[in-house]
Amino acid sequence: MNRLPDWEARLAAYLEPLRTLPFAWGRHDCCTFTAGAVKAMTGVDPMPEFRGRYTTARGSVRALRRIGAGTLASTLSGKFETVDPSLAHRGDIIMSDGLLGICLGPFLVAVGSEGDREGLIRIDRARWCEPRAWHVRFGV
């Protein structure tokens, strides 16, 4: 799967309505959010086998064991090329302290909460904790 020529516009359009959508396991969590972002950029859903398969944290772990590669990181590594987080581009997948999101240059955006506000949050690169990254390919 490769990014479409207008991937940046597609990603922005995907993010806009999600800014204030609260976290919900299996519907709007870090995995479904990130997979949706990749689908917006490439036109291909990288995680269709997980959609509708869990509604709780425990269910997500079971789904990763049953239909994934055991962990979220291992599952992503089987689908995407790993890259050093310091070399992550806009639109690449980032995991920081177990939270999955999309790199937007100097920060990642993910589903979470800040104070009383739920929805998409920003985490600056300087605050990434034990980061891992996966590259979403550019078109040829």
N, C-alpha and C. Protein backbone atom coordinates (compact mmCIF):
# COMPACT_ATOMS: atom_id res chain seq x y z
N MET A 1 0.84 -1.17 0.00
CA MET A 1 0.00 0.00 0.00
C MET A 1 0.89 1.24 0.00
N ASN A 2 0.56 2.16 -0.88
CA ASN A 2 1.33 3.40 -1.02
C ASN A 2 0.42 4.61 -0.81
N ARG A 3 1.00 5.67 -0.34
CA ARG A 3 0.24 6.91 -0.17
C ARG A 3 -0.23 7.42 -1.53
N LEU A 4 -1.42 7.93 -1.55
CA LEU A 4 -1.98 8.52 -2.76
C LEU A 4 -1.38 9.92 -2.97
N PRO A 5 -1.42 10.45 -4.18
CA PRO A 5 -0.82 11.77 -4.44
C PRO A 5 -1.37 12.88 -3.53
N ASP A 6 -2.65 12.82 -3.18
CA ASP A 6 -3.26 13.84 -2.33
C ASP A 6 -3.40 13.39 -0.87
N TRP A 7 -2.45 12.57 -0.42
CA TRP A 7 -2.55 11.98 0.91
C TRP A 7 -2.66 13.00 2.03
N GLU A 8 -1.99 14.14 1.90
CA GLU A 8 -2.04 15.13 2.99
C GLU A 8 -3.44 15.71 3.14
N ALA A 9 -4.10 16.02 2.04
CA ALA A 9 -5.47 16.53 2.09
C ALA A 9 -6.41 15.47 2.64
N ARG A 10 -6.20 14.21 2.22
CA ARG A 10 -7.04 13.12 2.70
C ARG A 10 -6.86 12.92 4.21
N LEU A 11 -5.61 13.00 4.68
CA LEU A 11 -5.35 12.84 6.11
C LEU A 11 -6.00 13.98 6.90
N ALA A 12 -5.86 15.20 6.44
CA ALA A 12 -6.49 16.35 7.12
C ALA A 12 -8.00 16.19 7.19
N ALA A 13 -8.61 15.74 6.10
CA ALA A 13 -10.07 15.54 6.07
C ALA A 13 -10.48 14.42 7.04
N TYR A 14 -9.65 13.40 7.17
CA TYR A 14 -9.93 12.31 8.11
C TYR A 14 -9.85 12.80 9.56
N LEU A 15 -8.85 13.59 9.86
CA LEU A 15 -8.63 14.04 11.24
C LEU A 15 -9.69 15.01 11.74
N GLU A 16 -10.15 15.90 10.89
CA GLU A 16 -11.03 16.99 11.32
C GLU A 16 -12.25 16.54 12.11
N PRO A 17 -13.07 15.61 11.64
CA PRO A 17 -14.26 15.25 12.42
C PRO A 17 -13.96 14.43 13.69
N LEU A 18 -12.72 13.98 13.83
CA LEU A 18 -12.36 13.15 14.98
C LEU A 18 -11.78 13.94 16.14
N ARG A 19 -11.57 15.22 15.95
CA ARG A 19 -10.89 16.05 16.97
C ARG A 19 -11.51 15.93 18.36
N THR A 20 -12.82 15.81 18.46
CA THR A 20 -13.48 15.76 19.77
C THR A 20 -14.22 14.45 20.02
N LEU A 21 -13.97 13.45 19.19
CA LEU A 21 -14.62 12.15 19.37
C LEU A 21 -13.92 11.38 20.49
N PRO A 22 -14.66 10.99 21.53
CA PRO A 22 -14.02 10.28 22.65
C PRO A 22 -13.56 8.87 22.29
N PHE A 23 -12.63 8.38 23.07
CA PHE A 23 -12.08 7.04 22.94
C PHE A 23 -13.19 6.00 23.10
N ALA A 24 -13.18 4.96 22.26
CA ALA A 24 -14.11 3.84 22.40
C ALA A 24 -13.41 2.60 21.84
N TRP A 25 -13.23 1.59 22.67
CA TRP A 25 -12.55 0.36 22.25
C TRP A 25 -13.22 -0.21 21.00
N GLY A 26 -12.40 -0.52 20.01
CA GLY A 26 -12.88 -1.16 18.79
C GLY A 26 -13.55 -0.24 17.79
N ARG A 27 -13.86 0.99 18.19
CA ARG A 27 -14.49 1.95 17.28
C ARG A 27 -13.61 3.17 17.06
N HIS A 28 -13.07 3.71 18.15
CA HIS A 28 -12.19 4.88 18.05
C HIS A 28 -11.13 4.77 19.14
N ASP A 29 -10.23 3.82 18.94
CA ASP A 29 -9.10 3.63 19.84
C ASP A 29 -7.82 3.87 19.04
N CYS A 30 -6.68 3.65 19.63
CA CYS A 30 -5.44 3.97 18.92
C CYS A 30 -5.25 3.13 17.67
N CYS A 31 -5.67 1.87 17.70
CA CYS A 31 -5.51 0.99 16.54
C CYS A 31 -6.46 1.39 15.41
N THR A 32 -7.74 1.54 15.72
CA THR A 32 -8.71 1.88 14.67
C THR A 32 -8.46 3.27 14.12
N PHE A 33 -8.07 4.21 14.99
CA PHE A 33 -7.75 5.56 14.54
C PHE A 33 -6.58 5.55 13.55
N THR A 34 -5.51 4.87 13.93
CA THR A 34 -4.31 4.84 13.10
C THR A 34 -4.58 4.09 11.79
N ALA A 35 -5.29 2.98 11.87
CA ALA A 35 -5.64 2.25 10.64
C ALA A 35 -6.50 3.11 9.74
N GLY A 36 -7.40 3.89 10.32
CA GLY A 36 -8.23 4.79 9.53
C GLY A 36 -7.41 5.88 8.86
N ALA A 37 -6.38 6.36 9.56
CA ALA A 37 -5.50 7.37 8.97
C ALA A 37 -4.73 6.79 7.79
N VAL A 38 -4.24 5.56 7.95
CA VAL A 38 -3.52 4.90 6.85
C VAL A 38 -4.46 4.69 5.67
N LYS A 39 -5.69 4.27 5.96
CA LYS A 39 -6.67 4.09 4.89
C LYS A 39 -6.94 5.41 4.17
N ALA A 40 -7.04 6.50 4.93
CA ALA A 40 -7.27 7.81 4.30
C ALA A 40 -6.11 8.17 3.38
N MET A 41 -4.89 7.87 3.79
CA MET A 41 -3.71 8.24 2.99
C MET A 41 -3.47 7.32 1.80
N THR A 42 -3.87 6.04 1.92
CA THR A 42 -3.53 5.05 0.90
C THR A 42 -4.72 4.47 0.15
N GLY A 43 -5.90 4.58 0.74
CA GLY A 43 -7.09 3.94 0.16
C GLY A 43 -7.22 2.49 0.57
N VAL A 44 -6.30 1.98 1.40
CA VAL A 44 -6.30 0.58 1.83
C VAL A 44 -6.35 0.52 3.36
N ASP A 45 -7.30 -0.25 3.88
CA ASP A 45 -7.39 -0.47 5.33
C ASP A 45 -6.36 -1.53 5.72
N PRO A 46 -5.35 -1.17 6.53
CA PRO A 46 -4.32 -2.15 6.89
C PRO A 46 -4.74 -3.13 7.99
N MET A 47 -5.86 -2.90 8.62
CA MET A 47 -6.25 -3.74 9.75
C MET A 47 -7.72 -4.19 9.66
N PRO A 48 -8.22 -4.57 8.49
CA PRO A 48 -9.65 -4.91 8.40
C PRO A 48 -10.05 -6.10 9.26
N GLU A 49 -9.11 -7.01 9.50
CA GLU A 49 -9.43 -8.20 10.29
C GLU A 49 -9.74 -7.88 11.75
N PHE A 50 -9.42 -6.68 12.21
CA PHE A 50 -9.68 -6.31 13.60
C PHE A 50 -10.99 -5.55 13.77
N ARG A 51 -11.53 -5.01 12.71
CA ARG A 51 -12.75 -4.18 12.81
C ARG A 51 -13.92 -5.04 13.29
N GLY A 52 -14.58 -4.55 14.36
CA GLY A 52 -15.72 -5.25 14.91
C GLY A 52 -15.39 -6.50 15.72
N ARG A 53 -14.12 -6.71 16.02
CA ARG A 53 -13.71 -7.94 16.70
C ARG A 53 -13.49 -7.77 18.21
N TYR A 54 -13.56 -6.54 18.73
CA TYR A 54 -13.36 -6.33 20.17
C TYR A 54 -14.06 -5.05 20.61
N THR A 55 -14.41 -4.99 21.90
CA THR A 55 -15.07 -3.81 22.46
C THR A 55 -14.48 -3.41 23.81
N THR A 56 -13.44 -4.13 24.24
CA THR A 56 -12.80 -3.87 25.54
C THR A 56 -11.29 -3.97 25.39
N ALA A 57 -10.58 -3.52 26.42
CA ALA A 57 -9.12 -3.65 26.41
C ALA A 57 -8.73 -5.13 26.36
N ARG A 58 -9.37 -5.94 27.17
CA ARG A 58 -9.09 -7.38 27.18
C ARG A 58 -9.39 -7.99 25.81
N GLY A 59 -10.47 -7.58 25.19
CA GLY A 59 -10.83 -8.08 23.87
C GLY A 59 -9.80 -7.70 22.82
N SER A 60 -9.21 -6.51 22.95
CA SER A 60 -8.18 -6.10 21.98
C SER A 60 -6.94 -6.97 22.12
N VAL A 61 -6.58 -7.31 23.34
CA VAL A 61 -5.42 -8.19 23.57
C VAL A 61 -5.71 -9.58 23.00
N ARG A 62 -6.91 -10.07 23.22
CA ARG A 62 -7.27 -11.38 22.67
C ARG A 62 -7.25 -11.36 21.15
N ALA A 63 -7.75 -10.28 20.55
CA ALA A 63 -7.75 -10.17 19.08
C ALA A 63 -6.33 -10.15 18.54
N LEU A 64 -5.43 -9.44 19.22
CA LEU A 64 -4.04 -9.40 18.77
C LEU A 64 -3.40 -10.78 18.85
N ARG A 65 -3.75 -11.54 19.86
CA ARG A 65 -3.21 -12.90 19.99
C ARG A 65 -3.84 -13.85 18.98
N ARG A 66 -5.14 -13.69 18.74
CA ARG A 66 -5.88 -14.63 17.90
C ARG A 66 -5.69 -14.35 16.40
N ILE A 67 -5.76 -13.08 15.99
CA ILE A 67 -5.71 -12.78 14.55
C ILE A 67 -4.55 -11.88 14.18
N GLY A 68 -3.80 -11.41 15.17
CA GLY A 68 -2.63 -10.60 14.89
C GLY A 68 -1.36 -11.42 15.09
N ALA A 69 -0.28 -10.71 15.39
CA ALA A 69 1.01 -11.37 15.61
C ALA A 69 1.37 -11.40 17.10
N GLY A 70 0.37 -11.31 17.96
CA GLY A 70 0.61 -11.41 19.40
C GLY A 70 0.56 -10.09 20.13
N THR A 71 1.22 -9.08 19.57
CA THR A 71 1.20 -7.74 20.16
C THR A 71 0.90 -6.74 19.04
N LEU A 72 0.53 -5.53 19.43
CA LEU A 72 0.26 -4.51 18.43
C LEU A 72 1.53 -4.17 17.65
N ALA A 73 2.66 -4.03 18.36
CA ALA A 73 3.93 -3.72 17.69
C ALA A 73 4.31 -4.82 16.70
N SER A 74 4.19 -6.07 17.10
CA SER A 74 4.53 -7.18 16.20
C SER A 74 3.59 -7.23 15.00
N THR A 75 2.32 -6.97 15.24
CA THR A 75 1.35 -6.96 14.16
C THR A 75 1.69 -5.87 13.15
N LEU A 76 2.03 -4.68 13.64
CA LEU A 76 2.41 -3.58 12.74
C LEU A 76 3.69 -3.89 11.99
N SER A 77 4.66 -4.52 12.67
CA SER A 77 5.92 -4.86 12.01
C SER A 77 5.72 -5.87 10.89
N GLY A 78 4.66 -6.66 10.97
CA GLY A 78 4.35 -7.60 9.90
C GLY A 78 3.67 -6.95 8.71
N LYS A 79 3.18 -5.73 8.90
CA LYS A 79 2.44 -5.04 7.84
C LYS A 79 3.19 -3.85 7.26
N PHE A 80 4.10 -3.27 8.03
CA PHE A 80 4.81 -2.06 7.63
C PHE A 80 6.31 -2.20 7.88
N GLU A 81 7.08 -1.43 7.17
CA GLU A 81 8.53 -1.37 7.37
C GLU A 81 8.82 -0.55 8.62
N THR A 82 9.63 -1.10 9.53
CA THR A 82 10.01 -0.33 10.72
C THR A 82 11.03 0.73 10.31
N VAL A 83 11.02 1.82 11.05
CA VAL A 83 11.94 2.92 10.78
C VAL A 83 12.35 3.50 12.13
N ASP A 84 13.54 4.03 12.20
CA ASP A 84 13.97 4.69 13.43
C ASP A 84 13.03 5.87 13.68
N PRO A 85 12.49 6.02 14.89
CA PRO A 85 11.54 7.10 15.16
C PRO A 85 12.10 8.50 14.83
N SER A 86 13.41 8.66 14.94
CA SER A 86 13.99 9.97 14.62
C SER A 86 13.88 10.29 13.13
N LEU A 87 13.63 9.27 12.31
CA LEU A 87 13.51 9.45 10.86
C LEU A 87 12.06 9.39 10.37
N ALA A 88 11.12 9.36 11.29
CA ALA A 88 9.71 9.28 10.92
C ALA A 88 9.27 10.54 10.18
N HIS A 89 8.51 10.32 9.11
CA HIS A 89 7.97 11.40 8.29
C HIS A 89 6.54 11.70 8.72
N ARG A 90 6.02 12.83 8.25
CA ARG A 90 4.59 13.11 8.40
C ARG A 90 3.82 11.94 7.80
N GLY A 91 2.84 11.45 8.52
CA GLY A 91 2.02 10.35 8.03
C GLY A 91 2.50 8.97 8.42
N ASP A 92 3.69 8.87 8.99
CA ASP A 92 4.16 7.56 9.46
C ASP A 92 3.48 7.21 10.78
N ILE A 93 3.52 5.94 11.14
CA ILE A 93 2.89 5.44 12.36
C ILE A 93 3.91 5.50 13.49
N ILE A 94 3.48 6.01 14.64
CA ILE A 94 4.35 6.12 15.81
C ILE A 94 3.67 5.46 17.01
N MET A 95 4.47 4.74 17.79
CA MET A 95 4.02 4.24 19.07
C MET A 95 4.89 4.88 20.14
N SER A 96 4.25 5.53 21.10
CA SER A 96 4.95 6.16 22.21
C SER A 96 4.31 5.67 23.51
N ASP A 97 5.11 5.03 24.33
CA ASP A 97 4.63 4.51 25.61
C ASP A 97 3.38 3.65 25.42
N GLY A 98 3.36 2.87 24.33
CA GLY A 98 2.24 1.97 24.06
C GLY A 98 1.08 2.61 23.33
N LEU A 99 1.07 3.93 23.20
CA LEU A 99 0.00 4.64 22.51
C LEU A 99 0.35 4.79 21.04
N LEU A 100 -0.58 4.44 20.17
CA LEU A 100 -0.35 4.48 18.73
C LEU A 100 -0.98 5.71 18.12
N GLY A 101 -0.25 6.33 17.18
CA GLY A 101 -0.78 7.50 16.49
C GLY A 101 -0.06 7.75 15.19
N ILE A 102 -0.29 8.92 14.63
CA ILE A 102 0.27 9.30 13.34
C ILE A 102 1.21 10.49 13.54
N CYS A 103 2.37 10.41 12.92
CA CYS A 103 3.35 11.49 12.98
C CYS A 103 2.87 12.67 12.14
N LEU A 104 2.89 13.84 12.72
CA LEU A 104 2.58 15.07 11.98
C LEU A 104 3.77 16.02 12.08
N GLY A 105 4.96 15.48 11.91
CA GLY A 105 6.18 16.28 11.94
C GLY A 105 6.72 16.39 13.35
N PRO A 106 6.55 17.55 13.99
CA PRO A 106 7.12 17.74 15.33
C PRO A 106 6.33 17.08 16.45
N PHE A 107 5.23 16.43 16.12
CA PHE A 107 4.41 15.77 17.14
C PHE A 107 3.68 14.59 16.52
N LEU A 108 3.09 13.77 17.39
CA LEU A 108 2.19 12.73 16.91
C LEU A 108 0.80 13.08 17.38
N VAL A 109 -0.17 12.63 16.63
CA VAL A 109 -1.57 12.83 17.02
C VAL A 109 -2.15 11.45 17.29
N ALA A 110 -2.91 11.35 18.38
CA ALA A 110 -3.48 10.07 18.81
C ALA A 110 -4.79 10.34 19.53
N VAL A 111 -5.53 9.27 19.80
CA VAL A 111 -6.77 9.37 20.56
C VAL A 111 -6.41 9.37 22.04
N GLY A 112 -6.97 10.31 22.79
CA GLY A 112 -6.67 10.36 24.22
C GLY A 112 -7.45 11.46 24.90
N SER A 113 -6.92 11.91 26.02
CA SER A 113 -7.56 13.00 26.75
C SER A 113 -6.50 13.91 27.34
N GLU A 114 -6.86 15.17 27.43
CA GLU A 114 -6.02 16.18 28.07
C GLU A 114 -6.94 16.97 28.99
N GLY A 115 -6.77 16.78 30.28
CA GLY A 115 -7.70 17.40 31.23
C GLY A 115 -9.09 16.83 31.04
N ASP A 116 -10.08 17.70 30.86
CA ASP A 116 -11.46 17.27 30.66
C ASP A 116 -11.79 17.01 29.19
N ARG A 117 -10.88 17.36 28.29
CA ARG A 117 -11.14 17.24 26.86
C ARG A 117 -10.72 15.87 26.34
N GLU A 118 -11.65 15.20 25.65
CA GLU A 118 -11.35 13.92 25.00
C GLU A 118 -11.34 14.12 23.50
N GLY A 119 -10.60 13.27 22.82
CA GLY A 119 -10.52 13.34 21.36
C GLY A 119 -9.09 13.14 20.93
N LEU A 120 -8.69 13.88 19.90
CA LEU A 120 -7.32 13.78 19.43
C LEU A 120 -6.41 14.66 20.28
N ILE A 121 -5.25 14.11 20.62
CA ILE A 121 -4.26 14.85 21.40
C ILE A 121 -2.95 14.90 20.64
N ARG A 122 -2.13 15.86 20.98
CA ARG A 122 -0.80 16.00 20.39
C ARG A 122 0.25 15.63 21.42
N ILE A 123 1.26 14.90 20.99
CA ILE A 123 2.39 14.58 21.86
C ILE A 123 3.65 15.02 21.11
N ASP A 124 4.34 16.01 21.64
CA ASP A 124 5.55 16.53 21.01
C ASP A 124 6.63 15.46 20.96
N ARG A 125 7.45 15.49 19.91
CA ARG A 125 8.54 14.51 19.75
C ARG A 125 9.41 14.41 21.01
N ALA A 126 9.67 15.52 21.63
CA ALA A 126 10.53 15.52 22.82
C ALA A 126 9.92 14.71 23.96
N ARG A 127 8.60 14.48 23.92
CA ARG A 127 7.92 13.73 24.97
C ARG A 127 7.62 12.28 24.58
N TRP A 128 8.04 11.85 23.37
CA TRP A 128 7.82 10.46 22.98
C TRP A 128 8.61 9.57 23.92
N CYS A 129 7.96 8.54 24.44
CA CYS A 129 8.57 7.64 25.42
C CYS A 129 8.74 6.26 24.79
N GLU A 130 9.98 5.79 24.74
CA GLU A 130 10.29 4.50 24.12
C GLU A 130 9.60 4.36 22.76
N PRO A 131 9.83 5.33 21.88
CA PRO A 131 9.09 5.33 20.61
C PRO A 131 9.50 4.21 19.66
N ARG A 132 8.53 3.80 18.87
CA ARG A 132 8.73 2.88 17.75
C ARG A 132 8.04 3.53 16.56
N ALA A 133 8.48 3.21 15.35
CA ALA A 133 7.88 3.85 14.18
C ALA A 133 7.81 2.87 13.01
N TRP A 134 6.81 3.08 12.17
CA TRP A 134 6.60 2.29 10.96
C TRP A 134 6.32 3.25 9.81
N HIS A 135 6.91 2.95 8.67
CA HIS A 135 6.80 3.83 7.51
C HIS A 135 5.59 3.47 6.66
N VAL A 136 4.81 4.48 6.32
CA VAL A 136 3.72 4.32 5.35
C VAL A 136 4.29 4.80 4.03
N ARG A 137 4.47 3.87 3.10
CA ARG A 137 5.19 4.14 1.85
C ARG A 137 4.56 5.24 1.00
N PHE A 138 5.43 5.96 0.33
CA PHE A 138 5.01 6.94 -0.67
C PHE A 138 4.83 6.22 -1.99
N GLY A 139 3.94 6.71 -2.84
CA GLY A 139 3.72 6.10 -4.16
C GLY A 139 4.95 6.17 -5.03
N VAL A 140 5.02 5.26 -5.97
CA VAL A 140 6.19 5.19 -6.84
C VAL A 140 5.91 5.97 -8.11
